[in-house]
Amino acid sequence: MSKHTLATSKAATLIKLAFAAGAKLSAAFIAFGLTALVTRNMPNDEAGLFLLGFSLLTVLSVIFRLGLDNVVLRFLSAHGTDAFAQEKFNRGLLWIATLSVPATIVGMLTSDLIATHIFNKPAFGPVLFWMLPALPAMAIFFLIAQAFQSQHRVVVTTIFQNLGISTVFILGFGYLLCEQPQALNSITVAQIYGGAALIIFVSSVIAWFGQHDISFRVLGYKDHELIVASANLWGASVMALVTVWAGVLIAGSMVPVEELARLSAAQRTANLTSFILIIVNMVAAPRYARMWSEGDIQGIERLAKWSTRGMICMVTPVILFMLFLPEKIMAVFGKGFEQAGILLAIMAIGQFINVATGSVGYLLNMSGHERDFRRVTQFSGPLTIICALIFIYLWGVTGAAIATAVGVGVQNLMAMAMVKRKLGFWPIC
């Protein structure tokens, strides 16, 4: 590759990163604002119930995407929107709908039993009942977001990943806060969130299928190639999800809801640091897929190292701020939340490792090494669960934060070593 071509490629990547940064930064702050809006305007126990449902819905929406996220991204990045890629995508949407809708109905019918016997919080039943209808909608519009990502449409991707639903929720919450503040409780807020999910679902379907030459055409339900590819990624996605969320969900059944609210707020604040990684992945992941299909390993290595170094430079000041002034940051969420400063500092360390190791998950998944990434997550996921059970019993929510940081750190360090083994380079060097 000539110096001129390389410079042009870098300039184009920087422009895309700038658009992605603006979109994801907006999404990150709006998501942060969502949590702060809830915690500052509702009693801690009510906020804790909603945030527990919020976390559970986040986990379930990934589970019911069936590992199709990166499969869709890879197919559409490599093939564009030709008939082959479109049918793969449409079949994935059909699979998600036929599994998530019945599961949602069963979950709604048994929401009181789940709240009482799994989470040991009977008051969580009505909240879960009203949040579950958002599950199929979230699973589908997030997959549509991946399709837009393959087209390098980063702003639209961000809207259908999290910016849209957070914005609509805040508007609904703000309206109720101004007009009927006495009606604000965990149940009404759950209803607002469910309604926001349905609005974004309809918008995403119209936006995707409203494009020229895009149609919903499926010739058959079965697809062995898609099953094999998604099965590997589904296992990895679920275990990676366990690594991030096991601490909060296990704490949901072991600690009071007030402490759970502080833990959830601290985790979501620590996760702000990973928006830099998400920005880079939005632009880099389709390029990794294309470069791999073209056999351009050197191009993958250059992009991976260049982006990782940049991410470390950008995230370090944010991490230092979280480590040295965690109580000040957590005080934003309302009275009593400054006690969660230590939780923020602990989880920020795990998130720093997540960002500093680079796009290791996408490097493996976009290069056909899904099974290797799955092996990494099959170790880190159970490790996080074991640590969470032990540490929460010993130290409460502090133990949950430690378990999360350990799980995230171990997963990313192991994945980085796997990139070196399979692709022949360290993303950080």
Protein backbone atom coordinates (compact mmCIF):
# COMPACT_ATOMS: atom_id res chain seq x y z
CA MET A 1 0.00 0.00 0.00
CA SER A 2 1.45 3.39 -1.04
CA LYS A 3 1.97 6.17 1.50
CA HIS A 4 -0.67 8.28 -0.24
CA THR A 5 -3.24 5.46 -0.16
CA LEU A 6 -2.45 4.72 3.48
CA ALA A 7 -2.80 8.41 4.40
CA THR A 8 -6.10 8.62 2.56
CA SER A 9 -7.35 5.50 4.32
CA LYS A 10 -6.37 6.91 7.71
CA ALA A 11 -8.06 10.24 6.93
CA ALA A 12 -11.27 8.45 5.94
CA THR A 13 -11.12 6.39 9.11
CA LEU A 14 -10.60 9.51 11.22
CA ILE A 15 -13.63 11.18 9.64
CA LYS A 16 -15.79 8.13 10.34
CA LEU A 17 -14.43 8.00 13.89
CA ALA A 18 -15.35 11.66 14.38
CA PHE A 19 -18.96 10.99 13.36
CA ALA A 20 -19.04 7.84 15.48
CA ALA A 21 -17.54 9.69 18.44
CA GLY A 22 -20.16 12.40 18.29
CA ALA A 23 -23.00 9.90 18.07
CA LYS A 24 -21.69 7.54 20.76
CA LEU A 25 -20.69 10.37 23.08
CA SER A 26 -24.24 11.67 22.88
CA ALA A 27 -25.59 8.18 23.53
CA ALA A 28 -23.25 7.67 26.48
CA PHE A 29 -24.22 10.91 28.18
CA ILE A 30 -27.92 10.39 27.52
CA ALA A 31 -27.69 6.89 29.02
CA PHE A 32 -25.85 8.40 32.00
CA GLY A 33 -28.57 11.04 32.24
CA LEU A 34 -31.26 8.36 32.13
CA THR A 35 -29.84 6.66 35.21
CA ALA A 36 -29.33 9.96 37.04
CA LEU A 37 -32.85 11.10 36.16
CA VAL A 38 -34.31 7.94 37.67
CA THR A 39 -32.18 7.90 40.82
CA ARG A 40 -32.63 11.61 41.58
CA ASN A 41 -36.40 11.68 41.13
CA MET A 42 -37.47 8.37 42.67
CA PRO A 43 -36.92 6.74 46.07
CA ASN A 44 -33.84 4.51 46.08
CA ASP A 45 -35.89 1.33 46.49
CA GLU A 46 -38.12 2.21 43.50
CA ALA A 47 -35.09 3.20 41.43
CA GLY A 48 -33.39 -0.07 42.39
CA LEU A 49 -36.32 -2.14 41.13
CA PHE A 50 -36.36 -0.34 37.79
CA LEU A 51 -32.58 -0.57 37.35
CA LEU A 52 -32.73 -4.30 38.14
CA GLY A 53 -35.31 -4.71 35.37
CA PHE A 54 -33.20 -2.52 33.10
CA SER A 55 -30.15 -4.75 33.67
CA LEU A 56 -32.15 -7.96 33.21
CA LEU A 57 -33.64 -6.68 29.97
CA THR A 58 -30.16 -5.78 28.69
CA VAL A 59 -28.98 -9.32 29.34
CA LEU A 60 -32.06 -11.03 27.89
CA SER A 61 -31.98 -8.93 24.71
CA VAL A 62 -28.46 -10.21 24.01
CA ILE A 63 -29.42 -13.80 24.76
CA PHE A 64 -32.36 -13.63 22.36
CA ARG A 65 -30.26 -12.12 19.59
CA LEU A 66 -28.96 -15.70 19.34
CA GLY A 67 -25.38 -14.70 18.58
CA LEU A 68 -26.47 -13.21 15.27
CA ASP A 69 -24.98 -9.74 15.89
CA ASN A 70 -21.51 -10.37 14.54
CA VAL A 71 -22.73 -12.94 12.01
CA VAL A 72 -24.99 -10.33 10.41
CA LEU A 73 -22.24 -7.71 10.58
CA ARG A 74 -19.75 -10.06 8.92
CA PHE A 75 -22.09 -11.23 6.13
CA LEU A 76 -23.37 -7.75 5.26
CA SER A 77 -19.89 -6.20 5.50
CA ALA A 78 -18.45 -8.81 3.13
CA HIS A 79 -21.39 -9.16 0.70
CA GLY A 80 -23.21 -5.83 0.94
CA THR A 81 -26.98 -6.04 0.58
CA ASP A 82 -27.05 -8.65 -2.15
CA ALA A 83 -29.78 -11.31 -2.13
CA PHE A 84 -27.57 -13.81 -0.26
CA ALA A 85 -26.75 -11.46 2.63
CA GLN A 86 -30.28 -10.09 2.83
CA GLU A 87 -31.76 -13.55 3.18
CA LYS A 88 -29.31 -14.40 5.97
CA PHE A 89 -30.31 -11.23 7.79
CA ASN A 90 -34.05 -11.72 7.28
CA ARG A 91 -33.85 -15.29 8.48
CA GLY A 92 -32.08 -14.07 11.61
CA LEU A 93 -34.88 -11.59 12.29
CA LEU A 94 -37.43 -14.37 11.88
CA TRP A 95 -35.57 -16.63 14.31
CA ILE A 96 -35.40 -13.88 16.95
CA ALA A 97 -39.12 -13.12 16.65
CA THR A 98 -40.26 -16.75 16.87
CA LEU A 99 -38.21 -17.37 20.01
CA SER A 100 -38.41 -14.06 21.89
CA VAL A 101 -42.16 -13.47 21.58
CA PRO A 102 -43.25 -16.78 23.23
CA ALA A 103 -40.53 -16.35 25.88
CA THR A 104 -41.85 -12.86 26.62
CA ILE A 105 -45.40 -14.14 27.06
CA VAL A 106 -44.25 -16.90 29.42
CA GLY A 107 -42.13 -14.42 31.36
CA MET A 108 -45.04 -12.01 31.78
CA LEU A 109 -47.34 -14.78 33.00
CA THR A 110 -44.77 -15.95 35.55
CA SER A 111 -43.30 -12.54 36.47
CA ASP A 112 -44.49 -12.71 40.09
CA LEU A 113 -42.96 -16.16 40.54
CA ILE A 114 -39.66 -15.02 39.02
CA ALA A 115 -39.58 -11.93 41.25
CA THR A 116 -40.32 -13.90 44.40
CA HIS A 117 -38.38 -17.13 43.92
CA ILE A 118 -35.38 -15.99 41.85
CA PHE A 119 -34.79 -12.39 42.93
CA ASN A 120 -36.40 -12.60 46.38
CA LYS A 121 -38.16 -9.30 45.68
CA PRO A 122 -41.97 -9.66 45.30
CA ALA A 123 -42.31 -5.95 44.45
CA PHE A 124 -40.23 -6.61 41.32
CA GLY A 125 -43.04 -8.69 39.74
CA PRO A 126 -45.13 -5.85 38.25
CA VAL A 127 -41.99 -4.05 37.07
CA LEU A 128 -40.81 -7.17 35.24
CA PHE A 129 -44.29 -7.68 33.75
CA TRP A 130 -44.30 -4.25 32.11
CA MET A 131 -40.66 -4.30 30.98
CA LEU A 132 -40.71 -7.70 29.27
CA PRO A 133 -42.70 -6.55 26.19
CA ALA A 134 -39.62 -4.54 25.28
CA LEU A 135 -37.57 -7.74 24.90
CA PRO A 136 -38.47 -8.77 21.31
CA ALA A 137 -38.38 -5.14 20.20
CA MET A 138 -34.89 -4.57 21.64
CA ALA A 139 -33.48 -7.80 20.21
CA ILE A 140 -34.75 -6.94 16.73
CA PHE A 141 -33.86 -3.26 16.55
CA PHE A 142 -30.36 -3.96 17.84
CA LEU A 143 -29.84 -6.51 15.07
CA ILE A 144 -31.07 -3.93 12.56
CA ALA A 145 -28.50 -1.55 14.04
CA GLN A 146 -25.80 -4.10 13.19
CA ALA A 147 -27.04 -4.11 9.61
CA PHE A 148 -26.68 -0.33 9.45
CA GLN A 149 -23.21 -0.65 10.97
CA SER A 150 -22.16 -2.84 8.04
CA GLN A 151 -23.03 0.14 5.81
CA HIS A 152 -20.80 2.41 7.96
CA ARG A 153 -23.86 4.51 8.92
CA VAL A 154 -22.63 5.17 12.42
CA VAL A 155 -25.21 7.76 13.48
CA VAL A 156 -28.17 5.58 12.49
CA THR A 157 -26.47 2.59 14.12
CA THR A 158 -26.12 4.50 17.39
CA ILE A 159 -29.76 5.58 17.33
CA PHE A 160 -30.98 2.01 17.03
CA GLN A 161 -28.47 0.60 19.52
CA ASN A 162 -29.16 2.81 22.53
CA LEU A 163 -29.45 6.50 21.75
CA GLY A 164 -33.02 6.28 20.45
CA ILE A 165 -34.58 4.30 23.28
CA SER A 166 -32.79 6.37 25.94
CA THR A 167 -33.94 9.63 24.34
CA VAL A 168 -37.57 8.55 24.01
CA PHE A 169 -37.55 7.25 27.58
CA ILE A 170 -36.15 10.51 28.95
CA LEU A 171 -38.82 12.49 27.07
CA GLY A 172 -41.57 10.28 28.50
CA PHE A 173 -40.09 10.37 32.00
CA GLY A 174 -39.65 14.14 31.81
CA TYR A 175 -43.24 14.67 30.71
CA LEU A 176 -44.57 12.58 33.61
CA LEU A 177 -42.20 14.34 36.03
CA CYS A 178 -43.59 17.73 34.98
CA GLU A 179 -47.27 16.81 34.64
CA GLN A 180 -47.86 14.04 37.20
CA PRO A 181 -44.82 13.68 39.50
CA GLN A 182 -46.91 11.79 42.05
CA ALA A 183 -47.41 9.02 39.49
CA LEU A 184 -43.69 8.29 39.20
CA ASN A 185 -42.87 4.83 40.53
CA SER A 186 -41.04 1.76 39.31
CA ILE A 187 -44.14 0.40 37.51
CA THR A 188 -45.00 3.54 35.54
CA VAL A 189 -41.34 4.03 34.64
CA ALA A 190 -41.20 0.41 33.41
CA GLN A 191 -44.24 1.15 31.23
CA ILE A 192 -42.51 4.20 29.77
CA TYR A 193 -39.43 2.13 28.93
CA GLY A 194 -41.51 -0.58 27.28
CA GLY A 195 -43.31 2.04 25.19
CA ALA A 196 -39.98 3.62 24.16
CA ALA A 197 -38.71 0.22 22.99
CA LEU A 198 -41.77 -0.31 20.80
CA ILE A 199 -41.39 3.15 19.20
CA ILE A 200 -37.73 2.49 18.31
CA PHE A 201 -38.62 -0.99 17.02
CA VAL A 202 -41.17 0.40 14.56
CA SER A 203 -38.77 3.18 13.51
CA SER A 204 -35.92 0.72 12.87
CA VAL A 205 -38.05 -1.58 10.73
CA ILE A 206 -39.27 1.36 8.63
CA ALA A 207 -35.73 2.77 8.28
CA TRP A 208 -34.16 -0.52 7.15
CA PHE A 209 -36.83 -1.93 4.88
CA GLY A 210 -37.60 1.51 3.48
CA GLN A 211 -34.26 1.46 1.65
CA HIS A 212 -34.08 0.84 -2.07
CA ASP A 213 -33.68 -2.86 -3.02
CA ILE A 214 -34.18 -4.00 0.61
CA SER A 215 -37.05 -6.41 1.22
CA PHE A 216 -38.14 -9.05 3.70
CA ARG A 217 -37.77 -12.23 1.64
CA VAL A 218 -37.05 -15.61 3.25
CA LEU A 219 -37.03 -18.81 1.19
CA GLY A 220 -36.74 -21.15 4.17
CA TYR A 221 -36.52 -21.27 7.95
CA LYS A 222 -33.53 -23.61 8.25
CA ASP A 223 -29.97 -22.51 7.53
CA HIS A 224 -27.13 -24.78 8.62
CA GLU A 225 -24.41 -22.22 7.88
CA LEU A 226 -26.18 -19.57 9.94
CA ILE A 227 -26.84 -22.01 12.78
CA VAL A 228 -23.18 -23.02 13.02
CA ALA A 229 -21.88 -19.44 12.87
CA SER A 230 -24.43 -18.04 15.31
CA ALA A 231 -24.10 -20.97 17.75
CA ASN A 232 -20.40 -20.24 18.25
CA LEU A 233 -21.04 -16.53 18.68
CA TRP A 234 -24.10 -17.04 20.87
CA GLY A 235 -22.12 -19.03 23.39
CA ALA A 236 -19.43 -16.37 23.42
CA SER A 237 -21.98 -13.53 23.67
CA VAL A 238 -23.80 -15.12 26.59
CA MET A 239 -20.61 -15.79 28.53
CA ALA A 240 -19.24 -12.32 27.78
CA LEU A 241 -22.56 -10.96 29.00
CA VAL A 242 -22.29 -13.02 32.17
CA THR A 243 -18.86 -11.52 32.75
CA VAL A 244 -20.24 -7.97 32.66
CA TRP A 245 -23.65 -8.42 34.32
CA ALA A 246 -23.41 -11.43 36.65
CA GLY A 247 -22.35 -9.24 39.56
CA VAL A 248 -25.41 -6.98 39.29
CA LEU A 249 -27.93 -9.78 38.67
CA ILE A 250 -26.62 -12.03 41.45
CA ALA A 251 -26.54 -9.03 43.77
CA GLY A 252 -30.18 -8.50 42.77
CA SER A 253 -31.13 -11.59 44.75
CA MET A 254 -28.73 -11.04 47.66
CA VAL A 255 -28.70 -7.34 48.60
CA PRO A 256 -31.36 -4.71 49.42
CA VAL A 257 -32.73 -2.74 46.47
CA GLU A 258 -31.23 0.52 47.78
CA GLU A 259 -27.71 -0.95 47.56
CA LEU A 260 -28.56 -2.48 44.20
CA ALA A 261 -29.44 1.00 42.89
CA ARG A 262 -25.98 2.27 43.92
CA LEU A 263 -24.25 -0.72 42.31
CA SER A 264 -26.20 -0.31 39.05
CA ALA A 265 -25.45 3.40 38.90
CA ALA A 266 -21.74 2.79 39.55
CA GLN A 267 -21.53 0.10 36.88
CA ARG A 268 -23.26 2.20 34.26
CA THR A 269 -20.93 5.09 35.07
CA ALA A 270 -17.84 2.88 34.78
CA ASN A 271 -19.16 1.57 31.47
CA LEU A 272 -18.98 5.12 30.10
CA THR A 273 -15.27 4.54 29.57
CA SER A 274 -15.98 1.75 27.10
CA PHE A 275 -17.81 4.13 24.75
CA ILE A 276 -14.39 4.83 23.20
CA LEU A 277 -14.01 1.13 22.43
CA ILE A 278 -17.55 1.01 21.04
CA ILE A 279 -16.80 3.99 18.78
CA VAL A 280 -13.73 2.30 17.34
CA ASN A 281 -15.54 -1.02 16.92
CA MET A 282 -18.35 0.62 14.96
CA VAL A 283 -15.86 1.77 12.34
CA ALA A 284 -13.22 -0.95 12.60
CA ALA A 285 -15.31 -4.15 12.80
CA PRO A 286 -16.63 -4.01 9.20
CA ARG A 287 -13.09 -3.23 8.03
CA TYR A 288 -11.70 -6.24 9.90
CA ALA A 289 -14.27 -8.46 8.19
CA ARG A 290 -13.47 -7.07 4.75
CA MET A 291 -9.69 -7.20 5.27
CA TRP A 292 -9.92 -10.79 6.49
CA SER A 293 -11.93 -11.81 3.41
CA GLU A 294 -9.22 -10.16 1.27
CA GLY A 295 -6.38 -11.83 3.19
CA ASP A 296 -4.95 -8.48 4.36
CA ILE A 297 -3.50 -9.50 7.74
CA GLN A 298 -1.05 -6.61 7.74
CA GLY A 299 -3.91 -4.17 7.28
CA ILE A 300 -5.74 -5.72 10.23
CA GLU A 301 -2.62 -5.42 12.38
CA ARG A 302 -2.04 -1.78 11.46
CA LEU A 303 -5.65 -0.80 12.16
CA ALA A 304 -5.76 -2.76 15.44
CA LYS A 305 -2.55 -1.26 16.83
CA TRP A 306 -3.28 2.27 15.68
CA SER A 307 -6.78 2.24 17.19
CA THR A 308 -5.70 0.64 20.49
CA ARG A 309 -2.99 3.21 21.11
CA GLY A 310 -5.44 6.00 20.42
CA MET A 311 -8.01 4.52 22.78
CA ILE A 312 -5.50 4.27 25.62
CA CYS A 313 -4.61 7.95 25.22
CA MET A 314 -8.27 8.98 25.24
CA VAL A 315 -9.48 6.82 28.11
CA THR A 316 -6.63 7.35 30.60
CA PRO A 317 -7.74 10.83 31.79
CA VAL A 318 -11.33 9.57 32.27
CA ILE A 319 -10.14 6.59 34.31
CA LEU A 320 -7.92 8.79 36.48
CA PHE A 321 -10.88 11.06 37.17
CA MET A 322 -12.96 8.04 38.24
CA LEU A 323 -10.17 6.71 40.46
CA PHE A 324 -9.38 9.96 42.28
CA LEU A 325 -12.82 11.61 42.48
CA PRO A 326 -15.32 8.74 42.50
CA GLU A 327 -17.49 10.15 45.30
CA LYS A 328 -17.92 13.46 43.46
CA ILE A 329 -19.04 11.64 40.33
CA MET A 330 -21.49 9.35 42.13
CA ALA A 331 -23.02 12.28 44.03
CA VAL A 332 -24.62 13.24 40.70
CA PHE A 333 -27.11 10.40 41.22
CA GLY A 334 -28.50 11.87 44.42
CA LYS A 335 -28.18 11.71 48.18
CA GLY A 336 -26.44 8.60 49.48
CA PHE A 337 -24.92 7.61 46.14
CA GLU A 338 -21.52 9.05 47.05
CA GLN A 339 -21.14 5.86 49.12
CA ALA A 340 -20.81 4.01 45.81
CA GLY A 341 -17.56 5.83 44.96
CA ILE A 342 -15.49 2.76 45.84
CA LEU A 343 -17.67 0.64 43.56
CA LEU A 344 -17.04 3.02 40.67
CA ALA A 345 -13.27 3.03 41.25
CA ILE A 346 -13.11 -0.78 41.32
CA MET A 347 -15.13 -1.28 38.14
CA ALA A 348 -13.28 1.52 36.35
CA ILE A 349 -10.10 -0.55 36.63
CA GLY A 350 -11.79 -3.46 34.87
CA GLN A 351 -13.07 -1.14 32.14
CA PHE A 352 -9.59 0.30 31.62
CA ILE A 353 -8.30 -3.19 30.86
CA ASN A 354 -11.27 -3.67 28.53
CA VAL A 355 -10.35 -0.58 26.50
CA ALA A 356 -6.56 -0.89 26.73
CA THR A 357 -6.51 -4.41 25.24
CA GLY A 358 -8.25 -3.15 22.11
CA SER A 359 -10.97 -4.67 19.92
CA VAL A 360 -9.93 -8.21 20.76
CA GLY A 361 -13.43 -9.70 20.58
CA TYR A 362 -14.12 -8.26 17.15
CA LEU A 363 -10.64 -9.20 15.92
CA LEU A 364 -11.36 -12.84 16.71
CA ASN A 365 -15.00 -12.87 15.59
CA MET A 366 -14.47 -10.98 12.33
CA SER A 367 -11.55 -13.24 11.37
CA GLY A 368 -13.38 -16.54 11.74
CA HIS A 369 -12.05 -17.41 15.20
CA GLU A 370 -15.40 -17.43 16.96
CA ARG A 371 -14.67 -20.73 18.71
CA ASP A 372 -11.48 -19.36 20.20
CA PHE A 373 -13.28 -16.32 21.58
CA ARG A 374 -15.98 -18.63 22.92
CA ARG A 375 -13.33 -20.63 24.80
CA VAL A 376 -12.09 -17.43 26.42
CA THR A 377 -15.59 -16.44 27.54
CA GLN A 378 -16.34 -19.99 28.73
CA PHE A 379 -13.60 -19.44 31.29
CA SER A 380 -14.28 -15.80 32.23
CA GLY A 381 -18.08 -16.18 32.52
CA PRO A 382 -18.13 -19.01 35.10
CA LEU A 383 -15.19 -17.37 36.89
CA THR A 384 -17.24 -14.19 37.31
CA ILE A 385 -20.24 -16.14 38.64
CA ILE A 386 -18.10 -17.98 41.20
CA CYS A 387 -16.38 -14.77 42.28
CA ALA A 388 -19.72 -12.95 42.51
CA LEU A 389 -21.33 -15.61 44.69
CA ILE A 390 -18.36 -15.71 47.07
CA PHE A 391 -17.50 -12.01 47.11
CA ILE A 392 -21.09 -10.77 47.46
CA TYR A 393 -21.58 -13.15 50.40
CA LEU A 394 -18.40 -11.78 52.01
CA TRP A 395 -18.51 -8.08 51.09
CA GLY A 396 -21.95 -7.29 49.64
CA VAL A 397 -22.08 -4.88 46.70
CA THR A 398 -18.34 -4.23 46.99
CA GLY A 399 -17.84 -7.92 46.26
CA ALA A 400 -20.06 -7.61 43.18
CA ALA A 401 -17.90 -4.77 41.89
CA ILE A 402 -14.70 -6.75 42.48
CA ALA A 403 -16.13 -9.82 40.72
CA THR A 404 -17.13 -7.72 37.70
CA ALA A 405 -13.69 -6.08 37.45
CA VAL A 406 -11.93 -9.45 37.75
CA GLY A 407 -14.14 -11.06 35.11
CA VAL A 408 -13.80 -8.22 32.60
CA GLY A 409 -10.04 -8.01 33.12
CA VAL A 410 -9.41 -11.74 32.79
CA GLN A 411 -11.62 -12.04 29.69
CA ASN A 412 -9.87 -9.27 27.79
CA LEU A 413 -6.34 -10.27 28.74
CA MET A 414 -7.02 -13.85 27.64
CA ALA A 415 -8.62 -12.64 24.39
CA MET A 416 -5.59 -10.46 23.70
CA ALA A 417 -3.33 -13.49 24.13
CA MET A 418 -5.60 -15.43 21.75
CA VAL A 419 -5.25 -12.68 19.11
CA LYS A 420 -1.47 -13.04 19.37
CA ARG A 421 -1.75 -16.81 19.00
CA LYS A 422 -4.19 -16.83 16.06
CA LEU A 423 -3.38 -13.62 14.17
CA GLY A 424 0.26 -13.27 15.10
CA PHE A 425 0.35 -9.84 16.75
CA TRP A 426 -0.35 -8.03 20.02
CA PRO A 427 -3.04 -5.36 19.51
CA ILE A 428 -1.45 -3.13 22.12
CA CYS A 429 2.17 -3.12 20.87
